[in-house]
mmCIF file of all heavy atoms, coordinates in Angstrom:
data_MODEL
# 
_entry.id   MODEL 
# 
loop_
_atom_site.group_PDB 
_atom_site.id 
_atom_site.type_symbol 
_atom_site.label_atom_id 
_atom_site.label_alt_id 
_atom_site.label_comp_id 
_atom_site.label_asym_id 
_atom_site.label_entity_id 
_atom_site.label_seq_id 
_atom_site.pdbx_PDB_ins_code 
_atom_site.Cartn_x 
_atom_site.Cartn_y 
_atom_site.Cartn_z 
_atom_site.occupancy 
_atom_site.B_iso_or_equiv 
_atom_site.pdbx_formal_charge 
_atom_site.auth_seq_id 
_atom_site.auth_comp_id 
_atom_site.auth_asym_id 
_atom_site.auth_atom_id 
_atom_site.pdbx_PDB_model_num 
ATOM 1   N N   . ASP A 1 1  ? 98.054  153.949 93.637  1.00 0.00 ? 1  ASP A N   1 
ATOM 2   C CA  . ASP A 1 1  ? 97.211  153.801 94.837  1.00 0.00 ? 1  ASP A CA  1 
ATOM 3   C C   . ASP A 1 1  ? 98.028  153.410 96.046  1.00 0.00 ? 1  ASP A C   1 
ATOM 4   O O   . ASP A 1 1  ? 97.513  152.805 97.011  1.00 0.00 ? 1  ASP A O   1 
ATOM 5   C CB  . ASP A 1 1  ? 96.142  152.703 94.588  1.00 0.00 ? 1  ASP A CB  1 
ATOM 6   C CG  . ASP A 1 1  ? 95.171  153.085 93.518  1.00 0.00 ? 1  ASP A CG  1 
ATOM 7   O OD1 . ASP A 1 1  ? 94.875  154.260 93.353  1.00 0.00 ? 1  ASP A OD1 1 
ATOM 8   O OD2 . ASP A 1 1  ? 94.750  152.159 92.775  1.00 0.00 ? 1  ASP A OD2 1 
ATOM 9   N N   . ILE A 1 2  ? 99.329  153.721 96.040  1.00 0.00 ? 2  ILE A N   1 
ATOM 10  C CA  . ILE A 1 2  ? 100.219 153.161 97.107  1.00 0.00 ? 2  ILE A CA  1 
ATOM 11  C C   . ILE A 1 2  ? 99.792  153.630 98.473  1.00 0.00 ? 2  ILE A C   1 
ATOM 12  O O   . ILE A 1 2  ? 99.973  152.872 99.475  1.00 0.00 ? 2  ILE A O   1 
ATOM 13  C CB  . ILE A 1 2  ? 101.660 153.554 96.808  1.00 0.00 ? 2  ILE A CB  1 
ATOM 14  C CG1 . ILE A 1 2  ? 102.611 152.660 97.592  1.00 0.00 ? 2  ILE A CG1 1 
ATOM 15  C CG2 . ILE A 1 2  ? 101.947 155.017 97.023  1.00 0.00 ? 2  ILE A CG2 1 
ATOM 16  C CD1 . ILE A 1 2  ? 102.579 151.232 97.215  1.00 0.00 ? 2  ILE A CD1 1 
ATOM 17  N N   . LYS A 1 3  ? 99.254  154.847 98.655  1.00 0.00 ? 3  LYS A N   1 
ATOM 18  C CA  . LYS A 1 3  ? 98.815  155.293 99.982  1.00 0.00 ? 3  LYS A CA  1 
ATOM 19  C C   . LYS A 1 3  ? 97.701  154.471 100.478 1.00 0.00 ? 3  LYS A C   1 
ATOM 20  O O   . LYS A 1 3  ? 97.669  154.066 101.695 1.00 0.00 ? 3  LYS A O   1 
ATOM 21  C CB  . LYS A 1 3  ? 98.404  156.784 99.908  1.00 0.00 ? 3  LYS A CB  1 
ATOM 22  C CG  . LYS A 1 3  ? 99.569  157.735 99.679  1.00 0.00 ? 3  LYS A CG  1 
ATOM 23  C CD  . LYS A 1 3  ? 99.100  159.193 99.697  1.00 0.00 ? 3  LYS A CD  1 
ATOM 24  C CE  . LYS A 1 3  ? 100.263 160.150 99.501  1.00 0.00 ? 3  LYS A CE  1 
ATOM 25  N NZ  . LYS A 1 3  ? 99.828  161.571 99.476  1.00 0.00 ? 3  LYS A NZ  1 
ATOM 26  N N   . LYS A 1 4  ? 96.727  154.132 99.618  1.00 0.00 ? 4  LYS A N   1 
ATOM 27  C CA  . LYS A 1 4  ? 95.612  153.288 100.025 1.00 0.00 ? 4  LYS A CA  1 
ATOM 28  C C   . LYS A 1 4  ? 96.087  151.852 100.296 1.00 0.00 ? 4  LYS A C   1 
ATOM 29  O O   . LYS A 1 4  ? 95.612  151.197 101.242 1.00 0.00 ? 4  LYS A O   1 
ATOM 30  C CB  . LYS A 1 4  ? 94.558  153.279 98.886  1.00 0.00 ? 4  LYS A CB  1 
ATOM 31  C CG  . LYS A 1 4  ? 93.911  154.608 98.675  1.00 0.00 ? 4  LYS A CG  1 
ATOM 32  C CD  . LYS A 1 4  ? 92.914  154.499 97.523  1.00 0.00 ? 4  LYS A CD  1 
ATOM 33  C CE  . LYS A 1 4  ? 92.261  155.865 97.210  1.00 0.00 ? 4  LYS A CE  1 
ATOM 34  N NZ  . LYS A 1 4  ? 91.319  155.767 96.088  1.00 0.00 ? 4  LYS A NZ  1 
ATOM 35  N N   . ILE A 1 5  ? 97.057  151.362 99.502  1.00 0.00 ? 5  ILE A N   1 
ATOM 36  C CA  . ILE A 1 5  ? 97.594  150.046 99.702  1.00 0.00 ? 5  ILE A CA  1 
ATOM 37  C C   . ILE A 1 5  ? 98.337  149.912 101.034 1.00 0.00 ? 5  ILE A C   1 
ATOM 38  O O   . ILE A 1 5  ? 98.153  148.922 101.719 1.00 0.00 ? 5  ILE A O   1 
ATOM 39  C CB  . ILE A 1 5  ? 98.513  149.662 98.533  1.00 0.00 ? 5  ILE A CB  1 
ATOM 40  C CG1 . ILE A 1 5  ? 97.707  149.513 97.199  1.00 0.00 ? 5  ILE A CG1 1 
ATOM 41  C CG2 . ILE A 1 5  ? 99.308  148.345 98.818  1.00 0.00 ? 5  ILE A CG2 1 
ATOM 42  C CD1 . ILE A 1 5  ? 98.569  149.317 95.989  1.00 0.00 ? 5  ILE A CD1 1 
ATOM 43  N N   . LYS A 1 6  ? 99.077  150.941 101.360 1.00 0.00 ? 6  LYS A N   1 
ATOM 44  C CA  . LYS A 1 6  ? 99.773  150.918 102.644 1.00 0.00 ? 6  LYS A CA  1 
ATOM 45  C C   . LYS A 1 6  ? 98.774  150.813 103.835 1.00 0.00 ? 6  LYS A C   1 
ATOM 46  O O   . LYS A 1 6  ? 99.019  150.077 104.785 1.00 0.00 ? 6  LYS A O   1 
ATOM 47  C CB  . LYS A 1 6  ? 100.592 152.215 102.820 1.00 0.00 ? 6  LYS A CB  1 
ATOM 48  C CG  . LYS A 1 6  ? 101.861 152.236 101.979 1.00 0.00 ? 6  LYS A CG  1 
ATOM 49  C CD  . LYS A 1 6  ? 102.455 153.630 101.832 1.00 0.00 ? 6  LYS A CD  1 
ATOM 50  C CE  . LYS A 1 6  ? 102.778 154.290 103.149 1.00 0.00 ? 6  LYS A CE  1 
ATOM 51  N NZ  . LYS A 1 6  ? 103.405 155.603 102.950 1.00 0.00 ? 6  LYS A NZ  1 
ATOM 52  N N   . LYS A 1 7  ? 97.706  151.562 103.717 1.00 0.00 ? 7  LYS A N   1 
ATOM 53  C CA  . LYS A 1 7  ? 96.684  151.479 104.769 1.00 0.00 ? 7  LYS A CA  1 
ATOM 54  C C   . LYS A 1 7  ? 95.983  150.141 104.755 1.00 0.00 ? 7  LYS A C   1 
ATOM 55  O O   . LYS A 1 7  ? 95.718  149.588 105.851 1.00 0.00 ? 7  LYS A O   1 
ATOM 56  C CB  . LYS A 1 7  ? 95.689  152.615 104.550 1.00 0.00 ? 7  LYS A CB  1 
ATOM 57  C CG  . LYS A 1 7  ? 94.669  152.785 105.673 1.00 0.00 ? 7  LYS A CG  1 
ATOM 58  C CD  . LYS A 1 7  ? 93.795  153.974 105.458 1.00 0.00 ? 7  LYS A CD  1 
ATOM 59  C CE  . LYS A 1 7  ? 92.741  154.091 106.590 1.00 0.00 ? 7  LYS A CE  1 
ATOM 60  N NZ  . LYS A 1 7  ? 91.887  155.281 106.379 1.00 0.00 ? 7  LYS A NZ  1 
ATOM 61  N N   . GLU A 1 8  ? 95.713  149.616 103.579 1.00 0.00 ? 8  GLU A N   1 
ATOM 62  C CA  . GLU A 1 8  ? 95.017  148.330 103.490 1.00 0.00 ? 8  GLU A CA  1 
ATOM 63  C C   . GLU A 1 8  ? 95.821  147.195 104.046 1.00 0.00 ? 8  GLU A C   1 
ATOM 64  O O   . GLU A 1 8  ? 95.322  146.350 104.793 1.00 0.00 ? 8  GLU A O   1 
ATOM 65  C CB  . GLU A 1 8  ? 94.693  148.074 101.998 1.00 0.00 ? 8  GLU A CB  1 
ATOM 66  C CG  . GLU A 1 8  ? 94.078  146.693 101.713 1.00 0.00 ? 8  GLU A CG  1 
ATOM 67  C CD  . GLU A 1 8  ? 92.580  146.642 102.046 1.00 0.00 ? 8  GLU A CD  1 
ATOM 68  O OE1 . GLU A 1 8  ? 91.897  147.698 101.975 1.00 0.00 ? 8  GLU A OE1 1 
ATOM 69  O OE2 . GLU A 1 8  ? 92.092  145.568 102.407 1.00 0.00 ? 8  GLU A OE2 1 
ATOM 70  N N   . LEU A 1 9  ? 97.092  147.130 103.667 1.00 0.00 ? 9  LEU A N   1 
ATOM 71  C CA  . LEU A 1 9  ? 97.954  146.020 104.062 1.00 0.00 ? 9  LEU A CA  1 
ATOM 72  C C   . LEU A 1 9  ? 98.412  146.129 105.536 1.00 0.00 ? 9  LEU A C   1 
ATOM 73  O O   . LEU A 1 9  ? 98.579  145.120 106.225 1.00 0.00 ? 9  LEU A O   1 
ATOM 74  C CB  . LEU A 1 9  ? 99.177  145.884 103.161 1.00 0.00 ? 9  LEU A CB  1 
ATOM 75  C CG  . LEU A 1 9  ? 98.898  145.606 101.682 1.00 0.00 ? 9  LEU A CG  1 
ATOM 76  C CD1 . LEU A 1 9  ? 100.204 145.498 100.928 1.00 0.00 ? 9  LEU A CD1 1 
ATOM 77  C CD2 . LEU A 1 9  ? 98.041  144.339 101.522 1.00 0.00 ? 9  LEU A CD2 1 
ATOM 78  N N   . ASN A 1 10 ? 98.660  147.373 105.950 1.00 0.00 ? 10 ASN A N   1 
ATOM 79  C CA  . ASN A 1 10 ? 99.127  147.581 107.311 1.00 0.00 ? 10 ASN A CA  1 
ATOM 80  C C   . ASN A 1 10 ? 100.332 146.739 107.710 1.00 0.00 ? 10 ASN A C   1 
ATOM 81  O O   . ASN A 1 10 ? 100.415 146.097 108.745 1.00 0.00 ? 10 ASN A O   1 
ATOM 82  C CB  . ASN A 1 10 ? 97.982  147.327 108.337 1.00 0.00 ? 10 ASN A CB  1 
ATOM 83  C CG  . ASN A 1 10 ? 98.334  147.893 109.730 1.00 0.00 ? 10 ASN A CG  1 
ATOM 84  O OD1 . ASN A 1 10 ? 99.087  148.842 109.836 1.00 0.00 ? 10 ASN A OD1 1 
ATOM 85  N ND2 . ASN A 1 10 ? 97.772  147.247 110.715 1.00 0.00 ? 10 ASN A ND2 1 
ATOM 86  N N   . LEU A 1 11 ? 101.305 146.710 106.770 1.00 0.00 ? 11 LEU A N   1 
ATOM 87  C CA  . LEU A 1 11 ? 102.534 145.924 106.969 1.00 0.00 ? 11 LEU A CA  1 
ATOM 88  C C   . LEU A 1 11 ? 103.697 146.860 107.289 1.00 0.00 ? 11 LEU A C   1 
ATOM 89  O O   . LEU A 1 11 ? 103.679 148.059 106.964 1.00 0.00 ? 11 LEU A O   1 
ATOM 90  C CB  . LEU A 1 11 ? 102.885 145.148 105.684 1.00 0.00 ? 11 LEU A CB  1 
ATOM 91  C CG  . LEU A 1 11 ? 101.897 144.016 105.277 1.00 0.00 ? 11 LEU A CG  1 
ATOM 92  C CD1 . LEU A 1 11 ? 102.317 143.523 103.873 1.00 0.00 ? 11 LEU A CD1 1 
ATOM 93  C CD2 . LEU A 1 11 ? 101.930 142.897 106.291 1.00 0.00 ? 11 LEU A CD2 1 
ATOM 94  N N   . GLU A 1 12 ? 104.705 146.283 107.939 1.00 0.00 ? 12 GLU A N   1 
ATOM 95  C CA  . GLU A 1 12 ? 105.927 147.012 108.216 1.00 0.00 ? 12 GLU A CA  1 
ATOM 96  C C   . GLU A 1 12 ? 106.627 147.372 106.893 1.00 0.00 ? 12 GLU A C   1 
ATOM 97  O O   . GLU A 1 12 ? 106.696 146.514 105.983 1.00 0.00 ? 12 GLU A O   1 
ATOM 98  C CB  . GLU A 1 12 ? 106.905 146.172 109.100 1.00 0.00 ? 12 GLU A CB  1 
ATOM 99  C CG  . GLU A 1 12 ? 108.175 146.879 109.446 1.00 0.00 ? 12 GLU A CG  1 
ATOM 100 C CD  . GLU A 1 12 ? 109.089 146.030 110.293 1.00 0.00 ? 12 GLU A CD  1 
ATOM 101 O OE1 . GLU A 1 12 ? 108.647 144.985 110.819 1.00 0.00 ? 12 GLU A OE1 1 
ATOM 102 O OE2 . GLU A 1 12 ? 110.287 146.411 110.458 1.00 0.00 ? 12 GLU A OE2 1 
ATOM 103 N N   . ILE A 1 13 ? 107.127 148.539 106.775 1.00 0.00 ? 13 ILE A N   1 
ATOM 104 C CA  . ILE A 1 13 ? 107.749 149.033 105.532 1.00 0.00 ? 13 ILE A CA  1 
ATOM 105 C C   . ILE A 1 13 ? 109.293 148.998 105.706 1.00 0.00 ? 13 ILE A C   1 
ATOM 106 O O   . ILE A 1 13 ? 109.818 149.514 106.692 1.00 0.00 ? 13 ILE A O   1 
ATOM 107 C CB  . ILE A 1 13 ? 107.287 150.449 105.215 1.00 0.00 ? 13 ILE A CB  1 
ATOM 108 C CG1 . ILE A 1 13 ? 105.783 150.422 104.831 1.00 0.00 ? 13 ILE A CG1 1 
ATOM 109 C CG2 . ILE A 1 13 ? 108.107 151.029 104.003 1.00 0.00 ? 13 ILE A CG2 1 
ATOM 110 C CD1 . ILE A 1 13 ? 105.177 151.799 104.631 1.00 0.00 ? 13 ILE A CD1 1 
ATOM 111 N N   . LYS A 1 14 ? 109.942 148.355 104.726 1.00 0.00 ? 14 LYS A N   1 
ATOM 112 C CA  . LYS A 1 14 ? 111.392 148.298 104.793 1.00 0.00 ? 14 LYS A CA  1 
ATOM 113 C C   . LYS A 1 14 ? 112.011 149.456 104.002 1.00 0.00 ? 14 LYS A C   1 
ATOM 114 O O   . LYS A 1 14 ? 112.968 150.079 104.447 1.00 0.00 ? 14 LYS A O   1 
ATOM 115 C CB  . LYS A 1 14 ? 111.913 146.958 104.201 1.00 0.00 ? 14 LYS A CB  1 
ATOM 116 C CG  . LYS A 1 14 ? 113.442 146.792 104.255 1.00 0.00 ? 14 LYS A CG  1 
ATOM 117 C CD  . LYS A 1 14 ? 113.836 145.410 103.835 1.00 0.00 ? 14 LYS A CD  1 
ATOM 118 C CE  . LYS A 1 14 ? 115.345 145.251 103.821 1.00 0.00 ? 14 LYS A CE  1 
ATOM 119 N NZ  . LYS A 1 14 ? 115.960 145.481 105.136 1.00 0.00 ? 14 LYS A NZ  1 
ATOM 120 N N   . GLU A 1 15 ? 111.470 149.758 102.823 1.00 0.00 ? 15 GLU A N   1 
ATOM 121 C CA  . GLU A 1 15 ? 111.950 150.847 101.968 1.00 0.00 ? 15 GLU A CA  1 
ATOM 122 C C   . GLU A 1 15 ? 110.774 151.528 101.309 1.00 0.00 ? 15 GLU A C   1 
ATOM 123 O O   . GLU A 1 15 ? 109.770 150.910 101.002 1.00 0.00 ? 15 GLU A O   1 
ATOM 124 C CB  . GLU A 1 15 ? 112.931 150.323 100.907 1.00 0.00 ? 15 GLU A CB  1 
ATOM 125 C CG  . GLU A 1 15 ? 114.192 149.653 101.404 1.00 0.00 ? 15 GLU A CG  1 
ATOM 126 C CD  . GLU A 1 15 ? 114.998 149.033 100.301 1.00 0.00 ? 15 GLU A CD  1 
ATOM 127 O OE1 . GLU A 1 15 ? 114.665 149.210 99.113  1.00 0.00 ? 15 GLU A OE1 1 
ATOM 128 O OE2 . GLU A 1 15 ? 115.941 148.269 100.640 1.00 0.00 ? 15 GLU A OE2 1 
ATOM 129 N N   . GLU A 1 16 ? 110.927 152.837 101.098 1.00 0.00 ? 16 GLU A N   1 
ATOM 130 C CA  . GLU A 1 16 ? 109.837 153.582 100.436 1.00 0.00 ? 16 GLU A CA  1 
ATOM 131 C C   . GLU A 1 16 ? 110.429 154.711 99.591  1.00 0.00 ? 16 GLU A C   1 
ATOM 132 O O   . GLU A 1 16 ? 111.285 155.455 100.038 1.00 0.00 ? 16 GLU A O   1 
ATOM 133 C CB  . GLU A 1 16 ? 108.892 154.164 101.493 1.00 0.00 ? 16 GLU A CB  1 
ATOM 134 C CG  . GLU A 1 16 ? 107.695 154.892 100.948 1.00 0.00 ? 16 GLU A CG  1 
ATOM 135 C CD  . GLU A 1 16 ? 106.707 155.282 102.036 1.00 0.00 ? 16 GLU A CD  1 
ATOM 136 O OE1 . GLU A 1 16 ? 107.015 155.099 103.209 1.00 0.00 ? 16 GLU A OE1 1 
ATOM 137 O OE2 . GLU A 1 16 ? 105.603 155.754 101.672 1.00 0.00 ? 16 GLU A OE2 1 
ATOM 138 N N   . LYS A 1 17 ? 109.935 154.793 98.333  1.00 0.00 ? 17 LYS A N   1 
ATOM 139 C CA  . LYS A 1 17 ? 110.395 155.869 97.449  1.00 0.00 ? 17 LYS A CA  1 
ATOM 140 C C   . LYS A 1 17 ? 109.226 156.218 96.517  1.00 0.00 ? 17 LYS A C   1 
ATOM 141 O O   . LYS A 1 17 ? 108.871 155.428 95.653  1.00 0.00 ? 17 LYS A O   1 
ATOM 142 C CB  . LYS A 1 17 ? 111.611 155.421 96.647  1.00 0.00 ? 17 LYS A CB  1 
ATOM 143 C CG  . LYS A 1 17 ? 112.228 156.554 95.813  1.00 0.00 ? 17 LYS A CG  1 
ATOM 144 C CD  . LYS A 1 17 ? 113.489 156.045 95.107  1.00 0.00 ? 17 LYS A CD  1 
ATOM 145 C CE  . LYS A 1 17 ? 114.090 157.164 94.282  1.00 0.00 ? 17 LYS A CE  1 
ATOM 146 N NZ  . LYS A 1 17 ? 115.313 156.731 93.551  1.00 0.00 ? 17 LYS A NZ  1 
ATOM 147 N N   . GLU A 1 18 ? 108.643 157.381 96.746  1.00 0.00 ? 18 GLU A N   1 
ATOM 148 C CA  . GLU A 1 18 ? 107.536 157.903 95.969  1.00 0.00 ? 18 GLU A CA  1 
ATOM 149 C C   . GLU A 1 18 ? 106.399 156.860 95.890  1.00 0.00 ? 18 GLU A C   1 
ATOM 150 O O   . GLU A 1 18 ? 105.791 156.521 96.889  1.00 0.00 ? 18 GLU A O   1 
ATOM 151 C CB  . GLU A 1 18 ? 108.010 158.327 94.563  1.00 0.00 ? 18 GLU A CB  1 
ATOM 152 C CG  . GLU A 1 18 ? 109.023 159.453 94.652  1.00 0.00 ? 18 GLU A CG  1 
ATOM 153 C CD  . GLU A 1 18 ? 109.554 159.824 93.247  1.00 0.00 ? 18 GLU A CD  1 
ATOM 154 O OE1 . GLU A 1 18 ? 109.288 159.133 92.272  1.00 0.00 ? 18 GLU A OE1 1 
ATOM 155 O OE2 . GLU A 1 18 ? 110.267 160.864 93.205  1.00 0.00 ? 18 GLU A OE2 1 
ATOM 156 N N   . GLU A 1 19 ? 106.126 156.305 94.708  1.00 0.00 ? 19 GLU A N   1 
ATOM 157 C CA  . GLU A 1 19 ? 105.013 155.384 94.561  1.00 0.00 ? 19 GLU A CA  1 
ATOM 158 C C   . GLU A 1 19 ? 105.419 153.924 94.684  1.00 0.00 ? 19 GLU A C   1 
ATOM 159 O O   . GLU A 1 19 ? 104.639 152.975 94.360  1.00 0.00 ? 19 GLU A O   1 
ATOM 160 C CB  . GLU A 1 19 ? 104.298 155.602 93.214  1.00 0.00 ? 19 GLU A CB  1 
ATOM 161 C CG  . GLU A 1 19 ? 103.690 156.993 93.080  1.00 0.00 ? 19 GLU A CG  1 
ATOM 162 C CD  . GLU A 1 19 ? 103.044 157.199 91.711  1.00 0.00 ? 19 GLU A CD  1 
ATOM 163 O OE1 . GLU A 1 19 ? 103.317 156.393 90.817  1.00 0.00 ? 19 GLU A OE1 1 
ATOM 164 O OE2 . GLU A 1 19 ? 102.275 158.158 91.580  1.00 0.00 ? 19 GLU A OE2 1 
ATOM 165 N N   . LYS A 1 20 ? 106.610 153.681 95.096  1.00 0.00 ? 20 LYS A N   1 
ATOM 166 C CA  . LYS A 1 20 ? 107.140 152.318 95.229  1.00 0.00 ? 20 LYS A CA  1 
ATOM 167 C C   . LYS A 1 20 ? 107.537 152.035 96.688  1.00 0.00 ? 20 LYS A C   1 
ATOM 168 O O   . LYS A 1 20 ? 108.263 152.764 97.300  1.00 0.00 ? 20 LYS A O   1 
ATOM 169 C CB  . LYS A 1 20 ? 108.410 152.149 94.366  1.00 0.00 ? 20 LYS A CB  1 
ATOM 170 C CG  . LYS A 1 20 ? 109.028 150.756 94.363  1.00 0.00 ? 20 LYS A CG  1 
ATOM 171 C CD  . LYS A 1 20 ? 110.243 150.697 93.437  1.00 0.00 ? 20 LYS A CD  1 
ATOM 172 C CE  . LYS A 1 20 ? 110.917 149.336 93.448  1.00 0.00 ? 20 LYS A CE  1 
ATOM 173 N NZ  . LYS A 1 20 ? 112.114 149.277 92.607  1.00 0.00 ? 20 LYS A NZ  1 
ATOM 174 N N   . VAL A 1 21 ? 106.960 150.935 97.200  1.00 0.00 ? 21 VAL A N   1 
ATOM 175 C CA  . VAL A 1 21 ? 107.186 150.582 98.633  1.00 0.00 ? 21 VAL A CA  1 
ATOM 176 C C   . VAL A 1 21 ? 107.569 149.105 98.687  1.00 0.00 ? 21 VAL A C   1 
ATOM 177 O O   . VAL A 1 21 ? 106.974 148.242 98.046  1.00 0.00 ? 21 VAL A O   1 
ATOM 178 C CB  . VAL A 1 21 ? 105.893 150.847 99.467  1.00 0.00 ? 21 VAL A CB  1 
ATOM 179 C CG1 . VAL A 1 21 ? 106.105 150.374 100.913 1.00 0.00 ? 21 VAL A CG1 1 
ATOM 180 C CG2 . VAL A 1 21 ? 105.524 152.312 99.425  1.00 0.00 ? 21 VAL A CG2 1 
ATOM 181 N N   . LYS A 1 22 ? 108.540 148.846 99.579  1.00 0.00 ? 22 LYS A N   1 
ATOM 182 C CA  . LYS A 1 22 ? 108.942 147.481 99.862  1.00 0.00 ? 22 LYS A CA  1 
ATOM 183 C C   . LYS A 1 22 ? 108.477 147.111 101.266 1.00 0.00 ? 22 LYS A C   1 
ATOM 184 O O   . LYS A 1 22 ? 108.953 147.719 102.242 1.00 0.00 ? 22 LYS A O   1 
ATOM 185 C CB  . LYS A 1 22 ? 110.470 147.353 99.769  1.00 0.00 ? 22 LYS A CB  1 
ATOM 186 C CG  . LYS A 1 22 ? 110.985 145.902 99.904  1.00 0.00 ? 22 LYS A CG  1 
ATOM 187 C CD  . LYS A 1 22 ? 112.489 145.846 99.620  1.00 0.00 ? 22 LYS A CD  1 
ATOM 188 C CE  . LYS A 1 22 ? 112.997 144.393 99.584  1.00 0.00 ? 22 LYS A CE  1 
ATOM 189 N NZ  . LYS A 1 22 ? 114.455 144.350 99.226  1.00 0.00 ? 22 LYS A NZ  1 
ATOM 190 N N   . PHE A 1 23 ? 107.540 146.178 101.346 1.00 0.00 ? 23 PHE A N   1 
ATOM 191 C CA  . PHE A 1 23 ? 106.960 145.760 102.622 1.00 0.00 ? 23 PHE A CA  1 
ATOM 192 C C   . PHE A 1 23 ? 107.635 144.515 103.156 1.00 0.00 ? 23 PHE A C   1 
ATOM 193 O O   . PHE A 1 23 ? 108.182 143.695 102.399 1.00 0.00 ? 23 PHE A O   1 
ATOM 194 C CB  . PHE A 1 23 ? 105.460 145.448 102.466 1.00 0.00 ? 23 PHE A CB  1 
ATOM 195 C CG  . PHE A 1 23 ? 104.611 146.594 101.942 1.00 0.00 ? 23 PHE A CG  1 
ATOM 196 C CD1 . PHE A 1 23 ? 104.354 146.753 100.610 1.00 0.00 ? 23 PHE A CD1 1 
ATOM 197 C CD2 . PHE A 1 23 ? 104.087 147.528 102.850 1.00 0.00 ? 23 PHE A CD2 1 
ATOM 198 C CE1 . PHE A 1 23 ? 103.570 147.831 100.138 1.00 0.00 ? 23 PHE A CE1 1 
ATOM 199 C CE2 . PHE A 1 23 ? 103.280 148.561 102.441 1.00 0.00 ? 23 PHE A CE2 1 
ATOM 200 C CZ  . PHE A 1 23 ? 103.035 148.691 101.062 1.00 0.00 ? 23 PHE A CZ  1 
ATOM 201 N N   . ILE A 1 24 ? 107.550 144.319 104.469 1.00 0.00 ? 24 ILE A N   1 
ATOM 202 C CA  . ILE A 1 24 ? 107.902 143.028 105.067 1.00 0.00 ? 24 ILE A CA  1 
ATOM 203 C C   . ILE A 1 24 ? 106.607 142.294 105.269 1.00 0.00 ? 24 ILE A C   1 
ATOM 204 O O   . ILE A 1 24 ? 105.741 142.715 106.086 1.00 0.00 ? 24 ILE A O   1 
ATOM 205 C CB  . ILE A 1 24 ? 108.655 143.251 106.403 1.00 0.00 ? 24 ILE A CB  1 
ATOM 206 C CG1 . ILE A 1 24 ? 109.948 143.975 106.170 1.00 0.00 ? 24 ILE A CG1 1 
ATOM 207 C CG2 . ILE A 1 24 ? 108.897 141.913 107.109 1.00 0.00 ? 24 ILE A CG2 1 
ATOM 208 C CD1 . ILE A 1 24 ? 110.697 144.343 107.461 1.00 0.00 ? 24 ILE A CD1 1 
# 
């Protein structure tokens, strides 16, 4: 659900690879 999570959290992204995201 990473796409939905990205929208939900609305945080700055440091790294992103497929279904894995590192947020600040």
